[in-house]
PDB file of all heavy atoms in Angstrom:
ATOM      1  N   ILE A   1       0.815  -1.208   0.003  1.00  0.00           N
ATOM      2  CA  ILE A   1       0.001   0.002  -0.019  1.00  0.00           C
ATOM      3  C   ILE A   1       0.862   1.246  -0.019  1.00  0.00           C
ATOM      4  O   ILE A   1       0.607   2.207  -0.784  1.00  0.00           O
ATOM      5  CB  ILE A   1      -0.958  -0.016   1.200  1.00  0.00           C
ATOM      6  CG1 ILE A   1      -1.969  -1.168   1.087  1.00  0.00           C
ATOM      7  CG2 ILE A   1      -1.666   1.319   1.361  1.00  0.00           C
ATOM      8  CD1 ILE A   1      -2.825  -1.377   2.304  1.00  0.00           C
ATOM      9  N   HIS A   2       1.897   1.265   0.858  1.00  0.00           N
ATOM     10  CA  HIS A   2       2.765   2.434   0.927  1.00  0.00           C
ATOM     11  C   HIS A   2       3.471   2.680  -0.440  1.00  0.00           C
ATOM     12  O   HIS A   2       3.498   3.820  -0.933  1.00  0.00           O
ATOM     13  CB  HIS A   2       3.786   2.249   2.016  1.00  0.00           C
ATOM     14  CG  HIS A   2       4.767   3.383   2.114  1.00  0.00           C
ATOM     15  ND1 HIS A   2       4.437   4.612   2.634  1.00  0.00           N
ATOM     16  CD2 HIS A   2       6.092   3.459   1.742  1.00  0.00           C
ATOM     17  CE1 HIS A   2       5.491   5.405   2.573  1.00  0.00           C
ATOM     18  NE2 HIS A   2       6.499   4.743   2.060  1.00  0.00           N
ATOM     19  N   GLU A   3       4.008   1.643  -1.010  1.00  0.00           N
ATOM     20  CA  GLU A   3       4.682   1.780  -2.300  1.00  0.00           C
ATOM     21  C   GLU A   3       3.705   2.223  -3.363  1.00  0.00           C
ATOM     22  O   GLU A   3       4.001   3.079  -4.218  1.00  0.00           O
ATOM     23  CB  GLU A   3       5.327   0.468  -2.702  1.00  0.00           C
ATOM     24  CG  GLU A   3       6.023   0.498  -4.067  1.00  0.00           C
ATOM     25  CD  GLU A   3       6.506  -0.851  -4.514  1.00  0.00           C
ATOM     26  OE1 GLU A   3       6.509  -1.811  -3.713  1.00  0.00           O
ATOM     27  OE2 GLU A   3       6.909  -0.963  -5.703  1.00  0.00           O
ATOM     28  N   GLY A   4       2.513   1.655  -3.338  1.00  0.00           N
ATOM     29  CA  GLY A   4       1.500   1.996  -4.337  1.00  0.00           C
ATOM     30  C   GLY A   4       1.121   3.486  -4.272  1.00  0.00           C
ATOM     31  O   GLY A   4       0.905   4.130  -5.275  1.00  0.00           O
ATOM     32  N   GLN A   5       1.002   3.985  -3.055  1.00  0.00           N
ATOM     33  CA  GLN A   5       0.694   5.422  -2.889  1.00  0.00           C
ATOM     34  C   GLN A   5       1.761   6.313  -3.467  1.00  0.00           C
ATOM     35  O   GLN A   5       1.451   7.387  -3.976  1.00  0.00           O
ATOM     36  CB  GLN A   5       0.505   5.712  -1.404  1.00  0.00           C
ATOM     37  CG  GLN A   5      -0.750   5.089  -0.796  1.00  0.00           C
ATOM     38  CD  GLN A   5      -0.797   5.183   0.715  1.00  0.00           C
ATOM     39  OE1 GLN A   5       0.231   5.253   1.355  1.00  0.00           O
ATOM     40  NE2 GLN A   5      -1.985   5.160   1.275  1.00  0.00           N
ATOM     41  N   GLN A   6       3.009   5.849  -3.436  1.00  0.00           N
ATOM     42  CA  GLN A   6       4.114   6.638  -4.003  1.00  0.00           C
ATOM     43  C   GLN A   6       4.133   6.662  -5.506  1.00  0.00           C
ATOM     44  O   GLN A   6       4.506   7.665  -6.131  1.00  0.00           O
ATOM     45  CB  GLN A   6       5.454   6.113  -3.459  1.00  0.00           C
ATOM     46  CG  GLN A   6       5.557   5.992  -1.946  1.00  0.00           C
ATOM     47  CD  GLN A   6       5.203   7.324  -1.243  1.00  0.00           C
ATOM     48  OE1 GLN A   6       5.735   8.386  -1.552  1.00  0.00           O
ATOM     49  NE2 GLN A   6       4.277   7.247  -0.310  1.00  0.00           N
ATOM     50  N   ILE A   7       3.732   5.555  -6.117  1.00  0.00           N
ATOM     51  CA  ILE A   7       3.848   5.435  -7.581  1.00  0.00           C
ATOM     52  C   ILE A   7       2.549   5.805  -8.329  1.00  0.00           C
ATOM     53  O   ILE A   7       2.570   5.960  -9.537  1.00  0.00           O
ATOM     54  CB  ILE A   7       4.330   4.049  -8.017  1.00  0.00           C
ATOM     55  CG1 ILE A   7       3.293   2.990  -7.645  1.00  0.00           C
ATOM     56  CG2 ILE A   7       5.695   3.724  -7.435  1.00  0.00           C
ATOM     57  CD1 ILE A   7       3.714   1.584  -8.107  1.00  0.00           C
ATOM     58  N   ASN A   8       1.478   5.976  -7.582  1.00  0.00           N
ATOM     59  CA  ASN A   8       0.188   6.282  -8.174  1.00  0.00           C
ATOM     60  C   ASN A   8       0.239   7.490  -9.116  1.00  0.00           C
ATOM     61  O   ASN A   8      -0.022   7.386 -10.316  1.00  0.00           O
ATOM     62  CB  ASN A   8      -0.842   6.577  -7.079  1.00  0.00           C
ATOM     63  CG  ASN A   8      -1.995   5.604  -7.099  1.00  0.00           C
ATOM     64  OD1 ASN A   8      -1.952   4.531  -7.670  1.00  0.00           O
ATOM     65  ND2 ASN A   8      -3.083   6.019  -6.469  1.00  0.00           N
ATOM     66  N   ALA A   9       0.596   8.644  -8.574  1.00  0.00           N
ATOM     67  CA  ALA A   9       0.533   9.900  -9.319  1.00  0.00           C
ATOM     68  C   ALA A   9       1.504   9.896 -10.520  1.00  0.00           C
ATOM     69  O   ALA A   9       1.090  10.292 -11.617  1.00  0.00           O
ATOM     70  CB  ALA A   9       0.782  11.084  -8.420  1.00  0.00           C
ATOM     71  N   PRO A  10       2.782   9.471 -10.351  1.00  0.00           N
ATOM     72  CA  PRO A  10       3.661   9.491 -11.508  1.00  0.00           C
ATOM     73  C   PRO A  10       3.194   8.570 -12.647  1.00  0.00           C
ATOM     74  O   PRO A  10       3.299   8.933 -13.830  1.00  0.00           O
ATOM     75  CB  PRO A  10       5.001   9.013 -10.929  1.00  0.00           C
ATOM     76  CG  PRO A  10       4.910   9.316  -9.473  1.00  0.00           C
ATOM     77  CD  PRO A  10       3.497   9.136  -9.118  1.00  0.00           C
ATOM     78  N   LEU A  11       2.676   7.387 -12.297  1.00  0.00           N
ATOM     79  CA  LEU A  11       2.211   6.462 -13.334  1.00  0.00           C
ATOM     80  C   LEU A  11       1.045   7.053 -14.107  1.00  0.00           C
ATOM     81  O   LEU A  11       1.033   7.053 -15.343  1.00  0.00           O
ATOM     82  CB  LEU A  11       1.844   5.128 -12.746  1.00  0.00           C
ATOM     83  CG  LEU A  11       1.403   4.069 -13.774  1.00  0.00           C
ATOM     84  CD1 LEU A  11       2.086   2.758 -13.520  1.00  0.00           C
ATOM     85  CD2 LEU A  11      -0.130   3.890 -13.775  1.00  0.00           C
ATOM     86  N   PHE A  12       0.053   7.574 -13.393  1.00  0.00           N
ATOM     87  CA  PHE A  12      -1.122   8.104 -14.081  1.00  0.00           C
ATOM     88  C   PHE A  12      -0.780   9.377 -14.869  1.00  0.00           C
ATOM     89  O   PHE A  12      -1.375   9.656 -15.905  1.00  0.00           O
ATOM     90  CB  PHE A  12      -2.241   8.352 -13.109  1.00  0.00           C
ATOM     91  CG  PHE A  12      -2.760   7.047 -12.471  1.00  0.00           C
ATOM     92  CD1 PHE A  12      -3.067   6.967 -11.116  1.00  0.00           C
ATOM     93  CD2 PHE A  12      -2.921   5.923 -13.242  1.00  0.00           C
ATOM     94  CE1 PHE A  12      -3.512   5.821 -10.562  1.00  0.00           C
ATOM     95  CE2 PHE A  12      -3.374   4.726 -12.680  1.00  0.00           C
ATOM     96  CZ  PHE A  12      -3.677   4.688 -11.332  1.00  0.00           C
ATOM     97  N   ALA A  13       0.188  10.160 -14.374  1.00  0.00           N
ATOM     98  CA  ALA A  13       0.629  11.310 -15.174  1.00  0.00           C
ATOM     99  C   ALA A  13       1.268  10.876 -16.464  1.00  0.00           C
ATOM    100  O   ALA A  13       1.027  11.494 -17.535  1.00  0.00           O
ATOM    101  CB  ALA A  13       1.621  12.114 -14.339  1.00  0.00           C
ATOM    102  N   ALA A  14       2.028   9.798 -16.447  1.00  0.00           N
ATOM    103  CA  ALA A  14       2.655   9.286 -17.673  1.00  0.00           C
ATOM    104  C   ALA A  14       1.590   8.758 -18.643  1.00  0.00           C
ATOM    105  O   ALA A  14       1.682   8.980 -19.855  1.00  0.00           O
ATOM    106  CB  ALA A  14       3.636   8.135 -17.301  1.00  0.00           C
ATOM    107  N   TRP A  15       0.587   8.098 -18.114  1.00  0.00           N
ATOM    108  CA  TRP A  15      -0.505   7.631 -18.983  1.00  0.00           C
ATOM    109  C   TRP A  15      -1.247   8.800 -19.638  1.00  0.00           C
ATOM    110  O   TRP A  15      -1.582   8.759 -20.797  1.00  0.00           O
ATOM    111  CB  TRP A  15      -1.497   6.805 -18.147  1.00  0.00           C
ATOM    112  CG  TRP A  15      -1.032   5.429 -17.837  1.00  0.00           C
ATOM    113  CD1 TRP A  15       0.212   4.879 -18.074  1.00  0.00           C
ATOM    114  CD2 TRP A  15      -1.805   4.382 -17.223  1.00  0.00           C
ATOM    115  NE1 TRP A  15       0.256   3.591 -17.662  1.00  0.00           N
ATOM    116  CE2 TRP A  15      -0.950   3.258 -17.122  1.00  0.00           C
ATOM    117  CE3 TRP A  15      -3.097   4.341 -16.764  1.00  0.00           C
ATOM    118  CZ2 TRP A  15      -1.405   2.041 -16.562  1.00  0.00           C
ATOM    119  CZ3 TRP A  15      -3.544   3.138 -16.170  1.00  0.00           C
ATOM    120  CH2 TRP A  15      -2.700   2.011 -16.089  1.00  0.00           C
ATOM    121  N   GLN A  16      -1.516   9.841 -18.804  1.00  0.00           N
ATOM    122  CA  GLN A  16      -2.232  10.965 -19.351  1.00  0.00           C
ATOM    123  C   GLN A  16      -1.419  11.678 -20.438  1.00  0.00           C
ATOM    124  O   GLN A  16      -1.964  12.149 -21.436  1.00  0.00           O
ATOM    125  CB  GLN A  16      -2.620  11.935 -18.235  1.00  0.00           C
ATOM    126  CG  GLN A  16      -3.730  11.428 -17.342  1.00  0.00           C
ATOM    127  CD  GLN A  16      -4.127  12.443 -16.288  1.00  0.00           C
ATOM    128  OE1 GLN A  16      -3.402  12.682 -15.321  1.00  0.00           O
ATOM    129  NE2 GLN A  16      -5.251  13.067 -16.464  1.00  0.00           N
ATOM    130  N   ALA A  17      -0.127  11.776 -20.212  1.00  0.00           N
ATOM    131  CA  ALA A  17       0.747  12.434 -21.179  1.00  0.00           C
ATOM    132  C   ALA A  17       0.714  11.676 -22.517  1.00  0.00           C
ATOM    133  O   ALA A  17       0.853  12.253 -23.595  1.00  0.00           O
ATOM    134  CB  ALA A  17       2.190  12.485 -20.670  1.00  0.00           C
ATOM    135  N   ALA A  18       0.538  10.344 -22.447  1.00  0.00           N
ATOM    136  CA  ALA A  18       0.479   9.519 -23.653  1.00  0.00           C
ATOM    137  C   ALA A  18      -0.955   9.315 -24.119  1.00  0.00           C
ATOM    138  O   ALA A  18      -1.179   8.600 -25.120  1.00  0.00           O
ATOM    139  CB  ALA A  18       1.126   8.160 -23.372  1.00  0.00           C
ATOM    140  N   ASP A  19      -1.916   9.968 -23.467  1.00  0.00           N
ATOM    141  CA  ASP A  19      -3.335   9.924 -23.869  1.00  0.00           C
ATOM    142  C   ASP A  19      -3.854   8.484 -23.877  1.00  0.00           C
ATOM    143  O   ASP A  19      -4.590   8.077 -24.804  1.00  0.00           O
ATOM    144  CB  ASP A  19      -3.518  10.558 -25.246  1.00  0.00           C
ATOM    145  CG  ASP A  19      -5.001  10.939 -25.487  1.00  0.00           C
ATOM    146  OD1 ASP A  19      -5.712  11.153 -24.495  1.00  0.00           O
ATOM    147  OD2 ASP A  19      -5.403  11.017 -26.672  1.00  0.00           O
ATOM    148  N   LEU A  20      -3.509   7.707 -22.840  1.00  0.00           N
ATOM    149  CA  LEU A  20      -3.942   6.311 -22.781  1.00  0.00           C
ATOM    150  C   LEU A  20      -5.300   6.137 -22.104  1.00  0.00           C
ATOM    151  O   LEU A  20      -5.945   5.113 -22.326  1.00  0.00           O
ATOM    152  CB  LEU A  20      -2.899   5.459 -22.024  1.00  0.00           C
ATOM    153  CG  LEU A  20      -1.534   5.276 -22.728  1.00  0.00           C
ATOM    154  CD1 LEU A  20      -0.667   4.387 -21.878  1.00  0.00           C
ATOM    155  CD2 LEU A  20      -1.736   4.645 -24.104  1.00  0.00           C
ATOM    156  N   LEU A  21      -5.692   7.043 -21.259  1.00  0.00           N
ATOM    157  CA  LEU A  21      -6.923   6.888 -20.511  1.00  0.00           C
ATOM    158  C   LEU A  21      -8.095   7.560 -21.241  1.00  0.00           C
ATOM    159  O   LEU A  21      -7.993   8.687 -21.715  1.00  0.00           O
ATOM    160  CB  LEU A  21      -6.809   7.499 -19.111  1.00  0.00           C
ATOM    161  CG  LEU A  21      -5.932   6.694 -18.116  1.00  0.00           C
ATOM    162  CD1 LEU A  21      -5.653   7.515 -16.857  1.00  0.00           C
ATOM    163  CD2 LEU A  21      -6.616   5.380 -17.764  1.00  0.00           C
ATOM    164  N   ARG A  22      -9.185   6.831 -21.275  1.00  0.00           N
ATOM    165  CA  ARG A  22     -10.369   7.353 -22.012  1.00  0.00           C
ATOM    166  C   ARG A  22     -11.616   7.230 -21.138  1.00  0.00           C
ATOM    167  O   ARG A  22     -11.913   6.138 -20.602  1.00  0.00           O
ATOM    168  CB  ARG A  22     -10.568   6.551 -23.285  1.00  0.00           C
ATOM    169  CG  ARG A  22     -11.678   7.039 -24.167  1.00  0.00           C
ATOM    170  CD  ARG A  22     -11.484   6.547 -25.579  1.00  0.00           C
ATOM    171  NE  ARG A  22     -10.188   6.996 -26.120  1.00  0.00           N
ATOM    172  CZ  ARG A  22      -9.621   6.441 -27.167  1.00  0.00           C
ATOM    173  NH1 ARG A  22     -10.173   5.441 -27.791  1.00  0.00           N
ATOM    174  NH2 ARG A  22      -8.451   6.901 -27.580  1.00  0.00           N
ATOM    175  N   PRO A  23     -12.344   8.338 -20.970  1.00  0.00           N
ATOM    176  CA  PRO A  23     -13.615   8.271 -20.235  1.00  0.00           C
ATOM    177  C   PRO A  23     -14.621   7.447 -21.018  1.00  0.00           C
ATOM    178  O   PRO A  23     -14.716   7.552 -22.248  1.00  0.00           O
ATOM    179  CB  PRO A  23     -14.056   9.727 -20.110  1.00  0.00           C
ATOM    180  CG  PRO A  23     -13.309  10.448 -21.187  1.00  0.00           C
ATOM    181  CD  PRO A  23     -12.045   9.707 -21.431  1.00  0.00           C
ATOM    182  N   THR A  24     -15.365   6.630 -20.284  1.00  0.00           N
ATOM    183  CA  THR A  24     -16.349   5.772 -21.001  1.00  0.00           C
ATOM    184  C   THR A  24     -17.442   5.327 -20.021  1.00  0.00           C
ATOM    185  O   THR A  24     -17.349   5.538 -18.819  1.00  0.00           O
ATOM    186  CB  THR A  24     -15.639   4.524 -21.586  1.00  0.00           C
ATOM    187  OG1 THR A  24     -16.546   3.825 -22.454  1.00  0.00           O
ATOM    188  CG2 THR A  24     -15.215   3.591 -20.494  1.00  0.00           C
ATOM    189  N   THR A  25     -18.478   4.723 -20.587  1.00  0.00           N
ATOM    190  CA  THR A  25     -19.503   4.043 -19.836  1.00  0.00           C
ATOM    191  C   THR A  25     -19.570   2.617 -20.383  1.00  0.00           C
ATOM    192  O   THR A  25     -19.640   2.408 -21.585  1.00  0.00           O
ATOM    193  CB  THR A  25     -20.871   4.731 -20.008  1.00  0.00           C
ATOM    194  OG1 THR A  25     -20.819   6.013 -19.410  1.00  0.00           O
ATOM    195  CG2 THR A  25     -21.977   3.924 -19.349  1.00  0.00           C
ATOM    196  N   ILE A  26     -19.541   1.643 -19.507  1.00  0.00           N
ATOM    197  CA  ILE A  26     -19.646   0.239 -19.918  1.00  0.00           C
ATOM    198  C   ILE A  26     -21.050  -0.219 -19.674  1.00  0.00           C
ATOM    199  O   ILE A  26     -21.544  -0.235 -18.535  1.00  0.00           O
ATOM    200  CB  ILE A  26     -18.648  -0.639 -19.146  1.00  0.00           C
ATOM    201  CG1 ILE A  26     -17.199  -0.213 -19.452  1.00  0.00           C
ATOM    202  CG2 ILE A  26     -18.842  -2.116 -19.522  1.00  0.00           C
ATOM    203  CD1 ILE A  26     -16.155  -0.998 -18.693  1.00  0.00           C
ATOM    204  N   GLU A  27     -21.748  -0.547 -20.742  1.00  0.00           N
ATOM    205  CA  GLU A  27     -23.147  -1.053 -20.642  1.00  0.00           C
ATOM    206  C   GLU A  27     -23.137  -2.581 -20.792  1.00  0.00           C
ATOM    207  O   GLU A  27     -22.568  -3.096 -21.779  1.00  0.00           O
ATOM    208  CB  GLU A  27     -24.015  -0.362 -21.652  1.00  0.00           C
ATOM    209  CG  GLU A  27     -24.097   1.149 -21.457  1.00  0.00           C
ATOM    210  CD  GLU A  27     -25.060   1.802 -22.452  1.00  0.00           C
ATOM    211  OE1 GLU A  27     -25.580   1.087 -23.328  1.00  0.00           O
ATOM    212  OE2 GLU A  27     -25.256   3.021 -22.348  1.00  0.00           O
ATOM    213  N   LEU A  28     -23.774  -3.250 -19.867  1.00  0.00           N
ATOM    214  CA  LEU A  28     -23.718  -4.702 -19.854  1.00  0.00           C
ATOM    215  C   LEU A  28     -25.130  -5.311 -19.897  1.00  0.00           C
ATOM    216  O   LEU A  28     -26.050  -4.834 -19.219  1.00  0.00           O
ATOM    217  CB  LEU A  28     -23.013  -5.196 -18.581  1.00  0.00           C
ATOM    218  CG  LEU A  28     -21.597  -4.701 -18.370  1.00  0.00           C
ATOM    219  CD1 LEU A  28     -21.064  -5.197 -16.990  1.00  0.00           C
ATOM    220  CD2 LEU A  28     -20.680  -5.221 -19.492  1.00  0.00           C
ATOM    221  N   ASP A  29     -25.241  -6.362 -20.681  1.00  0.00           N
ATOM    222  CA  ASP A  29     -26.474  -7.181 -20.720  1.00  0.00           C
ATOM    223  C   ASP A  29     -26.297  -8.298 -19.730  1.00  0.00           C
ATOM    224  O   ASP A  29     -25.428  -9.174 -19.920  1.00  0.00           O
ATOM    225  CB  ASP A  29     -26.717  -7.687 -22.133  1.00  0.00           C
ATOM    226  CG  ASP A  29     -27.978  -8.550 -22.255  1.00  0.00           C
ATOM    227  OD1 ASP A  29     -28.660  -8.774 -21.230  1.00  0.00           O
ATOM    228  OD2 ASP A  29     -28.279  -9.006 -23.366  1.00  0.00           O
ATOM    229  N   LEU A  30     -27.058  -8.336 -18.666  1.00  0.00           N
ATOM    230  CA  LEU A  30     -26.925  -9.309 -17.613  1.00  0.00           C
ATOM    231  C   LEU A  30     -27.811 -10.551 -17.856  1.00  0.00           C
ATOM    232  O   LEU A  30     -27.762 -11.491 -17.059  1.00  0.00           O
ATOM    233  CB  LEU A  30     -27.260  -8.690 -16.245  1.00  0.00           C
ATOM    234  CG  LEU A  30     -26.412  -7.487 -15.861  1.00  0.00           C
ATOM    235  CD1 LEU A  30     -26.885  -6.959 -14.500  1.00  0.00           C
ATOM    236  CD2 LEU A  30     -24.938  -7.823 -15.838  1.00  0.00           C
TER     237      LEU A  30
END
């Protein structure tokens, strides 16, 4: 948990810089 808290922000910043994250809605037929 401690290590994860340290790497969270840098990793997601790198993803955003590369435009990897996309907002979406997942619709499922149950």
